[in-house]
């Protein structure tokens, strides 16, 4: 799966679960998504007033650094399947 297809899949499927996953589950998914698309974090930390941006940045920071794009995609898919089983589609 290439990055463009993976990105579209992420954006279209993340909103299909019946019940919203926890914030931590969403951040874990986001961190793996960014690791798969961008790789290791390479941006400055958002400002103190940008709480949402800061949480996303930190989830990317703490995602498995050095993980290959393919490994991150596979980990994301596994975690997404767990969320689908837990919350339904």
PDB file of N, CA and C in Angstrom:
ATOM      1  N   UNK A   1       0.856  -1.173   0.000  1.00  0.00           N
ATOM      2  CA  UNK A   1       0.000   0.000   0.000  1.00  0.00           C
ATOM      3  C   UNK A   1       0.899   1.232   0.000  1.00  0.00           C
ATOM      4  N   UNK A   2       0.645   2.147  -0.926  1.00  0.00           N
ATOM      5  CA  UNK A   2       1.467   3.356  -0.945  1.00  0.00           C
ATOM      6  C   UNK A   2       0.919   4.398   0.031  1.00  0.00           C
ATOM      7  N   UNK A   3       1.703   5.443   0.262  1.00  0.00           N
ATOM      8  CA  UNK A   3       1.329   6.459   1.258  1.00  0.00           C
ATOM      9  C   UNK A   3       0.021   7.160   0.919  1.00  0.00           C
ATOM     10  N   UNK A   4      -0.213   7.432  -0.359  1.00  0.00           N
ATOM     11  CA  UNK A   4      -1.441   8.130  -0.753  1.00  0.00           C
ATOM     12  C   UNK A   4      -2.662   7.261  -0.457  1.00  0.00           C
ATOM     13  N   UNK A   5      -2.595   5.987  -0.819  1.00  0.00           N
ATOM     14  CA  UNK A   5      -3.691   5.059  -0.553  1.00  0.00           C
ATOM     15  C   UNK A   5      -3.888   4.885   0.940  1.00  0.00           C
ATOM     16  N   UNK A   6      -2.792   4.756   1.672  1.00  0.00           N
ATOM     17  CA  UNK A   6      -2.871   4.581   3.122  1.00  0.00           C
ATOM     18  C   UNK A   6      -3.488   5.808   3.777  1.00  0.00           C
ATOM     19  N   UNK A   7      -3.084   6.989   3.354  1.00  0.00           N
ATOM     20  CA  UNK A   7      -3.640   8.229   3.903  1.00  0.00           C
ATOM     21  C   UNK A   7      -5.130   8.337   3.649  1.00  0.00           C
ATOM     22  N   UNK A   8      -5.568   7.986   2.452  1.00  0.00           N
ATOM     23  CA  UNK A   8      -7.002   8.021   2.137  1.00  0.00           C
ATOM     24  C   UNK A   8      -7.747   7.011   2.989  1.00  0.00           C
ATOM     25  N   UNK A   9      -7.189   5.821   3.122  1.00  0.00           N
ATOM     26  CA  UNK A   9      -7.813   4.773   3.935  1.00  0.00           C
ATOM     27  C   UNK A   9      -7.956   5.233   5.376  1.00  0.00           C
ATOM     28  N   UNK A  10      -6.932   5.868   5.915  1.00  0.00           N
ATOM     29  CA  UNK A  10      -6.969   6.375   7.288  1.00  0.00           C
ATOM     30  C   UNK A  10      -8.098   7.382   7.448  1.00  0.00           C
ATOM     31  N   UNK A  11      -8.151   8.346   6.562  1.00  0.00           N
ATOM     32  CA  UNK A  11      -9.130   9.425   6.690  1.00  0.00           C
ATOM     33  C   UNK A  11     -10.558   8.934   6.489  1.00  0.00           C
ATOM     34  N   UNK A  12     -10.761   7.966   5.605  1.00  0.00           N
ATOM     35  CA  UNK A  12     -12.121   7.512   5.332  1.00  0.00           C
ATOM     36  C   UNK A  12     -12.618   6.493   6.346  1.00  0.00           C
ATOM     37  N   UNK A  13     -11.737   5.698   6.912  1.00  0.00           N
ATOM     38  CA  UNK A  13     -12.170   4.634   7.816  1.00  0.00           C
ATOM     39  C   UNK A  13     -12.181   5.023   9.283  1.00  0.00           C
ATOM     40  N   UNK A  14     -11.431   6.039   9.646  1.00  0.00           N
ATOM     41  CA  UNK A  14     -11.325   6.396  11.056  1.00  0.00           C
ATOM     42  C   UNK A  14     -12.664   6.863  11.623  1.00  0.00           C
ATOM     43  N   UNK A  15     -13.543   7.369  10.783  1.00  0.00           N
ATOM     44  CA  UNK A  15     -14.830   7.882  11.258  1.00  0.00           C
ATOM     45  C   UNK A  15     -15.960   6.869  11.131  1.00  0.00           C
ATOM     46  N   UNK A  16     -15.675   5.638  10.729  1.00  0.00           N
ATOM     47  CA  UNK A  16     -16.725   4.655  10.495  1.00  0.00           C
ATOM     48  C   UNK A  16     -17.089   3.814  11.712  1.00  0.00           C
ATOM     49  N   UNK A  17     -16.311   3.853  12.756  1.00  0.00           N
ATOM     50  CA  UNK A  17     -16.644   3.046  13.927  1.00  0.00           C
ATOM     51  C   UNK A  17     -17.885   3.623  14.595  1.00  0.00           C
ATOM     52  N   UNK A  18     -18.682   2.733  15.202  1.00  0.00           N
ATOM     53  CA  UNK A  18     -19.954   3.150  15.803  1.00  0.00           C
ATOM     54  C   UNK A  18     -19.745   4.037  17.023  1.00  0.00           C
ATOM     55  N   UNK A  19     -18.779   3.688  17.845  1.00  0.00           N
ATOM     56  CA  UNK A  19     -18.490   4.437  19.059  1.00  0.00           C
ATOM     57  C   UNK A  19     -17.091   5.020  18.937  1.00  0.00           C
ATOM     58  N   UNK A  20     -16.924   6.233  19.370  1.00  0.00           N
ATOM     59  CA  UNK A  20     -15.622   6.896  19.272  1.00  0.00           C
ATOM     60  C   UNK A  20     -14.614   6.199  20.180  1.00  0.00           C
ATOM     61  N   UNK A  21     -13.457   5.828  19.622  1.00  0.00           N
ATOM     62  CA  UNK A  21     -12.387   5.268  20.462  1.00  0.00           C
ATOM     63  C   UNK A  21     -11.915   6.299  21.486  1.00  0.00           C
ATOM     64  N   UNK A  22     -11.187   5.827  22.482  1.00  0.00           N
ATOM     65  CA  UNK A  22     -10.662   6.728  23.506  1.00  0.00           C
ATOM     66  C   UNK A  22      -9.643   7.683  22.885  1.00  0.00           C
ATOM     67  N   UNK A  23      -9.392   8.774  23.575  1.00  0.00           N
ATOM     68  CA  UNK A  23      -8.393   9.728  23.090  1.00  0.00           C
ATOM     69  C   UNK A  23      -7.038   9.053  22.923  1.00  0.00           C
ATOM     70  N   UNK A  24      -6.667   8.185  23.864  1.00  0.00           N
ATOM     71  CA  UNK A  24      -5.373   7.509  23.779  1.00  0.00           C
ATOM     72  C   UNK A  24      -5.313   6.584  22.567  1.00  0.00           C
ATOM     73  N   UNK A  25      -6.404   5.869  22.289  1.00  0.00           N
ATOM     74  CA  UNK A  25      -6.434   5.001  21.109  1.00  0.00           C
ATOM     75  C   UNK A  25      -6.298   5.829  19.832  1.00  0.00           C
ATOM     76  N   UNK A  26      -6.984   6.961  19.775  1.00  0.00           N
ATOM     77  CA  UNK A  26      -6.879   7.830  18.604  1.00  0.00           C
ATOM     78  C   UNK A  26      -5.466   8.390  18.450  1.00  0.00           C
ATOM     79  N   UNK A  27      -4.852   8.766  19.556  1.00  0.00           N
ATOM     80  CA  UNK A  27      -3.480   9.277  19.494  1.00  0.00           C
ATOM     81  C   UNK A  27      -2.500   8.186  19.070  1.00  0.00           C
ATOM     82  N   UNK A  28      -2.715   6.956  19.544  1.00  0.00           N
ATOM     83  CA  UNK A  28      -1.857   5.842  19.126  1.00  0.00           C
ATOM     84  C   UNK A  28      -1.994   5.606  17.624  1.00  0.00           C
ATOM     85  N   UNK A  29      -3.229   5.630  17.128  1.00  0.00           N
ATOM     86  CA  UNK A  29      -3.454   5.471  15.688  1.00  0.00           C
ATOM     87  C   UNK A  29      -2.793   6.610  14.916  1.00  0.00           C
ATOM     88  N   UNK A  30      -2.951   7.829  15.405  1.00  0.00           N
ATOM     89  CA  UNK A  30      -2.366   8.991  14.741  1.00  0.00           C
ATOM     90  C   UNK A  30      -0.841   8.886  14.702  1.00  0.00           C
ATOM     91  N   UNK A  31      -0.242   8.474  15.815  1.00  0.00           N
ATOM     92  CA  UNK A  31       1.215   8.338  15.863  1.00  0.00           C
ATOM     93  C   UNK A  31       1.725   7.325  14.850  1.00  0.00           C
ATOM     94  N   UNK A  32       1.027   6.192  14.737  1.00  0.00           N
ATOM     95  CA  UNK A  32       1.425   5.178  13.753  1.00  0.00           C
ATOM     96  C   UNK A  32       1.192   5.682  12.331  1.00  0.00           C
ATOM     97  N   UNK A  33       0.093   6.396  12.124  1.00  0.00           N
ATOM     98  CA  UNK A  33      -0.202   6.980  10.812  1.00  0.00           C
ATOM     99  C   UNK A  33       0.919   7.928  10.391  1.00  0.00           C
ATOM    100  N   UNK A  34       1.302   8.838  11.290  1.00  0.00           N
ATOM    101  CA  UNK A  34       2.360   9.790  10.964  1.00  0.00           C
ATOM    102  C   UNK A  34       3.701   9.091  10.752  1.00  0.00           C
ATOM    103  N   UNK A  35       3.968   8.042  11.534  1.00  0.00           N
ATOM    104  CA  UNK A  35       5.210   7.288  11.361  1.00  0.00           C
ATOM    105  C   UNK A  35       5.219   6.630   9.983  1.00  0.00           C
ATOM    106  N   UNK A  36       4.069   6.124   9.552  1.00  0.00           N
ATOM    107  CA  UNK A  36       3.979   5.463   8.247  1.00  0.00           C
ATOM    108  C   UNK A  36       4.115   6.463   7.104  1.00  0.00           C
ATOM    109  N   UNK A  37       3.536   7.634   7.246  1.00  0.00           N
ATOM    110  CA  UNK A  37       3.532   8.618   6.163  1.00  0.00           C
ATOM    111  C   UNK A  37       4.790   9.487   6.155  1.00  0.00           C
ATOM    112  N   UNK A  38       5.190   9.981   7.327  1.00  0.00           N
ATOM    113  CA  UNK A  38       6.285  10.950   7.412  1.00  0.00           C
ATOM    114  C   UNK A  38       7.592  10.313   7.863  1.00  0.00           C
ATOM    115  N   UNK A  39       7.491   9.347   8.764  1.00  0.00           N
ATOM    116  CA  UNK A  39       8.689   8.774   9.377  1.00  0.00           C
ATOM    117  C   UNK A  39       8.901   9.400  10.742  1.00  0.00           C
ATOM    118  N   UNK A  40      10.131   9.366  11.211  1.00  0.00           N
ATOM    119  CA  UNK A  40      10.435   9.929  12.527  1.00  0.00           C
ATOM    120  C   UNK A  40      10.077  11.414  12.560  1.00  0.00           C
ATOM    121  N   UNK A  41       9.610  11.866  13.717  1.00  0.00           N
ATOM    122  CA  UNK A  41       9.162  13.253  13.878  1.00  0.00           C
ATOM    123  C   UNK A  41      10.299  14.215  13.555  1.00  0.00           C
ATOM    124  N   UNK A  42       9.965  15.257  12.793  1.00  0.00           N
ATOM    125  CA  UNK A  42      10.998  16.199  12.362  1.00  0.00           C
ATOM    126  C   UNK A  42      10.505  17.646  12.415  1.00  0.00           C
ATOM    127  N   UNK A  43       9.510  17.911  13.250  1.00  0.00           N
ATOM    128  CA  UNK A  43       8.963  19.261  13.352  1.00  0.00           C
ATOM    129  C   UNK A  43       9.124  19.789  14.773  1.00  0.00           C
ATOM    130  N   UNK A  44       9.032  21.092  14.908  1.00  0.00           N
ATOM    131  CA  UNK A  44       9.113  21.716  16.227  1.00  0.00           C
ATOM    132  C   UNK A  44       7.846  21.443  17.022  1.00  0.00           C
ATOM    133  N   UNK A  45       7.993  21.410  18.328  1.00  0.00           N
ATOM    134  CA  UNK A  45       6.857  21.203  19.222  1.00  0.00           C
ATOM    135  C   UNK A  45       5.918  22.407  19.135  1.00  0.00           C
ATOM    136  N   UNK A  46       4.589  22.151  19.018  1.00  0.00           N
ATOM    137  CA  UNK A  46       3.629  23.261  18.989  1.00  0.00           C
ATOM    138  C   UNK A  46       3.664  24.062  20.287  1.00  0.00           C
ATOM    139  N   UNK A  47       3.168  25.279  20.221  1.00  0.00           N
ATOM    140  CA  UNK A  47       3.147  26.156  21.385  1.00  0.00           C
ATOM    141  C   UNK A  47       2.262  25.633  22.502  1.00  0.00           C
ATOM    142  N   UNK A  48       2.443  26.195  23.669  1.00  0.00           N
ATOM    143  CA  UNK A  48       1.748  25.742  24.871  1.00  0.00           C
ATOM    144  C   UNK A  48       0.230  25.901  24.766  1.00  0.00           C
ATOM    145  N   UNK A  49      -0.251  26.845  23.971  1.00  0.00           N
ATOM    146  CA  UNK A  49      -1.692  27.060  23.850  1.00  0.00           C
ATOM    147  C   UNK A  49      -2.355  26.125  22.842  1.00  0.00           C
ATOM    148  N   UNK A  50      -1.576  25.431  22.035  1.00  0.00           N
ATOM    149  CA  UNK A  50      -2.112  24.498  21.039  1.00  0.00           C
ATOM    150  C   UNK A  50      -2.160  23.098  21.649  1.00  0.00           C
ATOM    151  N   UNK A  51      -3.154  22.856  22.491  1.00  0.00           N
ATOM    152  CA  UNK A  51      -3.226  21.590  23.224  1.00  0.00           C
ATOM    153  C   UNK A  51      -3.426  20.392  22.300  1.00  0.00           C
ATOM    154  N   UNK A  52      -4.297  20.536  21.305  1.00  0.00           N
ATOM    155  CA  UNK A  52      -4.544  19.433  20.374  1.00  0.00           C
ATOM    156  C   UNK A  52      -3.288  19.140  19.547  1.00  0.00           C
ATOM    157  N   UNK A  53      -2.675  20.181  19.031  1.00  0.00           N
ATOM    158  CA  UNK A  53      -1.449  20.014  18.257  1.00  0.00           C
ATOM    159  C   UNK A  53      -0.334  19.407  19.085  1.00  0.00           C
ATOM    160  N   UNK A  54      -0.247  19.835  20.342  1.00  0.00           N
ATOM    161  CA  UNK A  54       0.778  19.303  21.242  1.00  0.00           C
ATOM    162  C   UNK A  54       0.554  17.812  21.494  1.00  0.00           C
ATOM    163  N   UNK A  55      -0.702  17.411  21.715  1.00  0.00           N
ATOM    164  CA  UNK A  55      -1.007  15.992  21.941  1.00  0.00           C
ATOM    165  C   UNK A  55      -0.671  15.160  20.709  1.00  0.00           C
ATOM    166  N   UNK A  56      -0.997  15.674  19.530  1.00  0.00           N
ATOM    167  CA  UNK A  56      -0.669  14.959  18.289  1.00  0.00           C
ATOM    168  C   UNK A  56       0.842  14.862  18.113  1.00  0.00           C
ATOM    169  N   UNK A  57       1.535  15.965  18.357  1.00  0.00           N
ATOM    170  CA  UNK A  57       2.989  15.979  18.211  1.00  0.00           C
ATOM    171  C   UNK A  57       3.613  14.960  19.150  1.00  0.00           C
ATOM    172  N   UNK A  58       3.138  14.931  20.409  1.00  0.00           N
ATOM    173  CA  UNK A  58       3.685  13.986  21.382  1.00  0.00           C
ATOM    174  C   UNK A  58       3.357  12.547  21.004  1.00  0.00           C
ATOM    175  N   UNK A  59       2.190  12.292  20.418  1.00  0.00           N
ATOM    176  CA  UNK A  59       1.874  10.925  19.996  1.00  0.00           C
ATOM    177  C   UNK A  59       2.804  10.497  18.871  1.00  0.00           C
ATOM    178  N   UNK A  60       3.163  11.435  18.002  1.00  0.00           N
ATOM    179  CA  UNK A  60       4.125  11.128  16.942  1.00  0.00           C
ATOM    180  C   UNK A  60       5.517  10.930  17.519  1.00  0.00           C
ATOM    181  N   UNK A  61       5.855  11.742  18.506  1.00  0.00           N
ATOM    182  CA  UNK A  61       7.167  11.645  19.143  1.00  0.00           C
ATOM    183  C   UNK A  61       7.353  10.285  19.810  1.00  0.00           C
ATOM    184  N   UNK A  62       6.294   9.797  20.449  1.00  0.00           N
ATOM    185  CA  UNK A  62       6.401   8.551  21.193  1.00  0.00           C
ATOM    186  C   UNK A  62       5.999   7.325  20.387  1.00  0.00           C
ATOM    187  N   UNK A  63       5.672   7.512  19.110  1.00  0.00           N
ATOM    188  CA  UNK A  63       5.441   6.347  18.264  1.00  0.00           C
ATOM    189  C   UNK A  63       6.796   5.684  18.052  1.00  0.00           C
ATOM    190  N   UNK A  64       6.785   4.438  17.654  1.00  0.00           N
ATOM    191  CA  UNK A  64       8.059   3.715  17.538  1.00  0.00           C
ATOM    192  C   UNK A  64       9.032   4.380  16.562  1.00  0.00           C
ATOM    193  N   UNK A  65       9.980   5.117  17.081  1.00  0.00           N
ATOM    194  CA  UNK A  65      10.976   5.803  16.274  1.00  0.00           C
ATOM    195  C   UNK A  65      11.840   4.786  15.545  1.00  0.00           C
ATOM    196  N   UNK A  66      12.121   5.081  14.293  1.00  0.00           N
ATOM    197  CA  UNK A  66      12.946   4.192  13.497  1.00  0.00           C
ATOM    198  C   UNK A  66      12.172   3.067  12.842  1.00  0.00           C
ATOM    199  N   UNK A  67      10.871   2.989  13.094  1.00  0.00           N
ATOM    200  CA  UNK A  67      10.036   1.947  12.493  1.00  0.00           C
ATOM    201  C   UNK A  67       9.890   2.252  11.002  1.00  0.00           C
ATOM    202  N   UNK A  68       9.997   1.232  10.172  1.00  0.00           N
ATOM    203  CA  UNK A  68       9.848   1.438   8.732  1.00  0.00           C
ATOM    204  C   UNK A  68       8.407   1.808   8.401  1.00  0.00           C
ATOM    205  N   UNK A  69       8.227   2.411   7.232  1.00  0.00           N
ATOM    206  CA  UNK A  69       6.878   2.788   6.802  1.00  0.00           C
ATOM    207  C   UNK A  69       5.961   1.572   6.756  1.00  0.00           C
ATOM    208  N   UNK A  70       6.451   0.474   6.196  1.00  0.00           N
ATOM    209  CA  UNK A  70       5.631  -0.736   6.086  1.00  0.00           C
ATOM    210  C   UNK A  70       5.268  -1.297   7.454  1.00  0.00           C
ATOM    211  N   UNK A  71       6.229  -1.318   8.373  1.00  0.00           N
ATOM    212  CA  UNK A  71       5.944  -1.818   9.724  1.00  0.00           C
ATOM    213  C   UNK A  71       4.925  -0.929  10.433  1.00  0.00           C
ATOM    214  N   UNK A  72       5.059   0.387  10.256  1.00  0.00           N
ATOM    215  CA  UNK A  72       4.109   1.315  10.879  1.00  0.00           C
ATOM    216  C   UNK A  72       2.715   1.140  10.283  1.00  0.00           C
ATOM    217  N   UNK A  73       2.630   0.951   8.964  1.00  0.00           N
ATOM    218  CA  UNK A  73       1.334   0.709   8.323  1.00  0.00           C
ATOM    219  C   UNK A  73       0.698  -0.559   8.860  1.00  0.00           C
ATOM    220  N   UNK A  74       1.495  -1.617   8.973  1.00  0.00           N
ATOM    221  CA  UNK A  74       0.967  -2.885   9.481  1.00  0.00           C
ATOM    222  C   UNK A  74       0.523  -2.762  10.933  1.00  0.00           C
ATOM    223  N   UNK A  75       1.281  -2.038  11.749  1.00  0.00           N
ATOM    224  CA  UNK A  75       0.899  -1.830  13.148  1.00  0.00           C
ATOM    225  C   UNK A  75      -0.378  -0.999  13.230  1.00  0.00           C
ATOM    226  N   UNK A  76      -0.487   0.009  12.371  1.00  0.00           N
ATOM    227  CA  UNK A  76      -1.700   0.829  12.324  1.00  0.00           C
ATOM    228  C   UNK A  76      -2.907  -0.028  11.953  1.00  0.00           C
ATOM    229  N   UNK A  77      -2.756  -0.852  10.924  1.00  0.00           N
ATOM    230  CA  UNK A  77      -3.856  -1.710  10.472  1.00  0.00           C
ATOM    231  C   UNK A  77      -4.285  -2.659  11.578  1.00  0.00           C
ATOM    232  N   UNK A  78      -3.323  -3.243  12.288  1.00  0.00           N
ATOM    233  CA  UNK A  78      -3.652  -4.142  13.403  1.00  0.00           C
ATOM    234  C   UNK A  78      -4.416  -3.406  14.497  1.00  0.00           C
ATOM    235  N   UNK A  79      -3.953  -2.215  14.855  1.00  0.00           N
ATOM    236  CA  UNK A  79      -4.616  -1.432  15.897  1.00  0.00           C
ATOM    237  C   UNK A  79      -6.008  -0.987  15.448  1.00  0.00           C
ATOM    238  N   UNK A  80      -6.136  -0.620  14.181  1.00  0.00           N
ATOM    239  CA  UNK A  80      -7.444  -0.220  13.649  1.00  0.00           C
ATOM    240  C   UNK A  80      -8.419  -1.393  13.669  1.00  0.00           C
ATOM    241  N   UNK A  81      -7.943  -2.586  13.321  1.00  0.00           N
ATOM    242  CA  UNK A  81      -8.804  -3.774  13.367  1.00  0.00           C
ATOM    243  C   UNK A  81      -9.267  -4.058  14.790  1.00  0.00           C
ATOM    244  N   UNK A  82      -8.376  -3.875  15.754  1.00  0.00           N
ATOM    245  CA  UNK A  82      -8.758  -4.054  17.161  1.00  0.00           C
ATOM    246  C   UNK A  82      -9.852  -3.062  17.552  1.00  0.00           C
ATOM    247  N   UNK A  83      -9.717  -1.819  17.110  1.00  0.00           N
ATOM    248  CA  UNK A  83     -10.725  -0.798  17.419  1.00  0.00           C
ATOM    249  C   UNK A  83     -12.057  -1.144  16.769  1.00  0.00           C
ATOM    250  N   UNK A  84     -12.014  -1.642  15.544  1.00  0.00           N
ATOM    251  CA  UNK A  84     -13.244  -2.031  14.852  1.00  0.00           C
ATOM    252  C   UNK A  84     -13.924  -3.177  15.585  1.00  0.00           C
ATOM    253  N   UNK A  85     -13.141  -4.165  16.026  1.00  0.00           N
ATOM    254  CA  UNK A  85     -13.712  -5.281  16.783  1.00  0.00           C
ATOM    255  C   UNK A  85     -14.298  -4.795  18.110  1.00  0.00           C
ATOM    256  N   UNK A  86     -13.622  -3.853  18.744  1.00  0.00           N
ATOM    257  CA  UNK A  86     -14.054  -3.354  20.048  1.00  0.00           C
ATOM    258  C   UNK A  86     -15.291  -2.455  19.943  1.00  0.00           C
ATOM    259  N   UNK A  87     -15.321  -1.582  18.936  1.00  0.00           N
ATOM    260  CA  UNK A  87     -16.370  -0.569  18.837  1.00  0.00           C
ATOM    261  C   UNK A  87     -17.386  -0.820  17.731  1.00  0.00           C
ATOM    262  N   UNK A  88     -17.107  -1.741  16.819  1.00  0.00           N
ATOM    263  CA  UNK A  88     -18.028  -2.027  15.717  1.00  0.00           C
ATOM    264  C   UNK A  88     -17.931  -0.997  14.602  1.00  0.00           C
ATOM    265  N   UNK A  89     -18.459  -1.377  13.437  1.00  0.00           N
ATOM    266  CA  UNK A  89     -18.465  -0.474  12.277  1.00  0.00           C
ATOM    267  C   UNK A  89     -19.880  -0.139  11.932  1.00  0.00           C
TER     268      UNK A  89
END
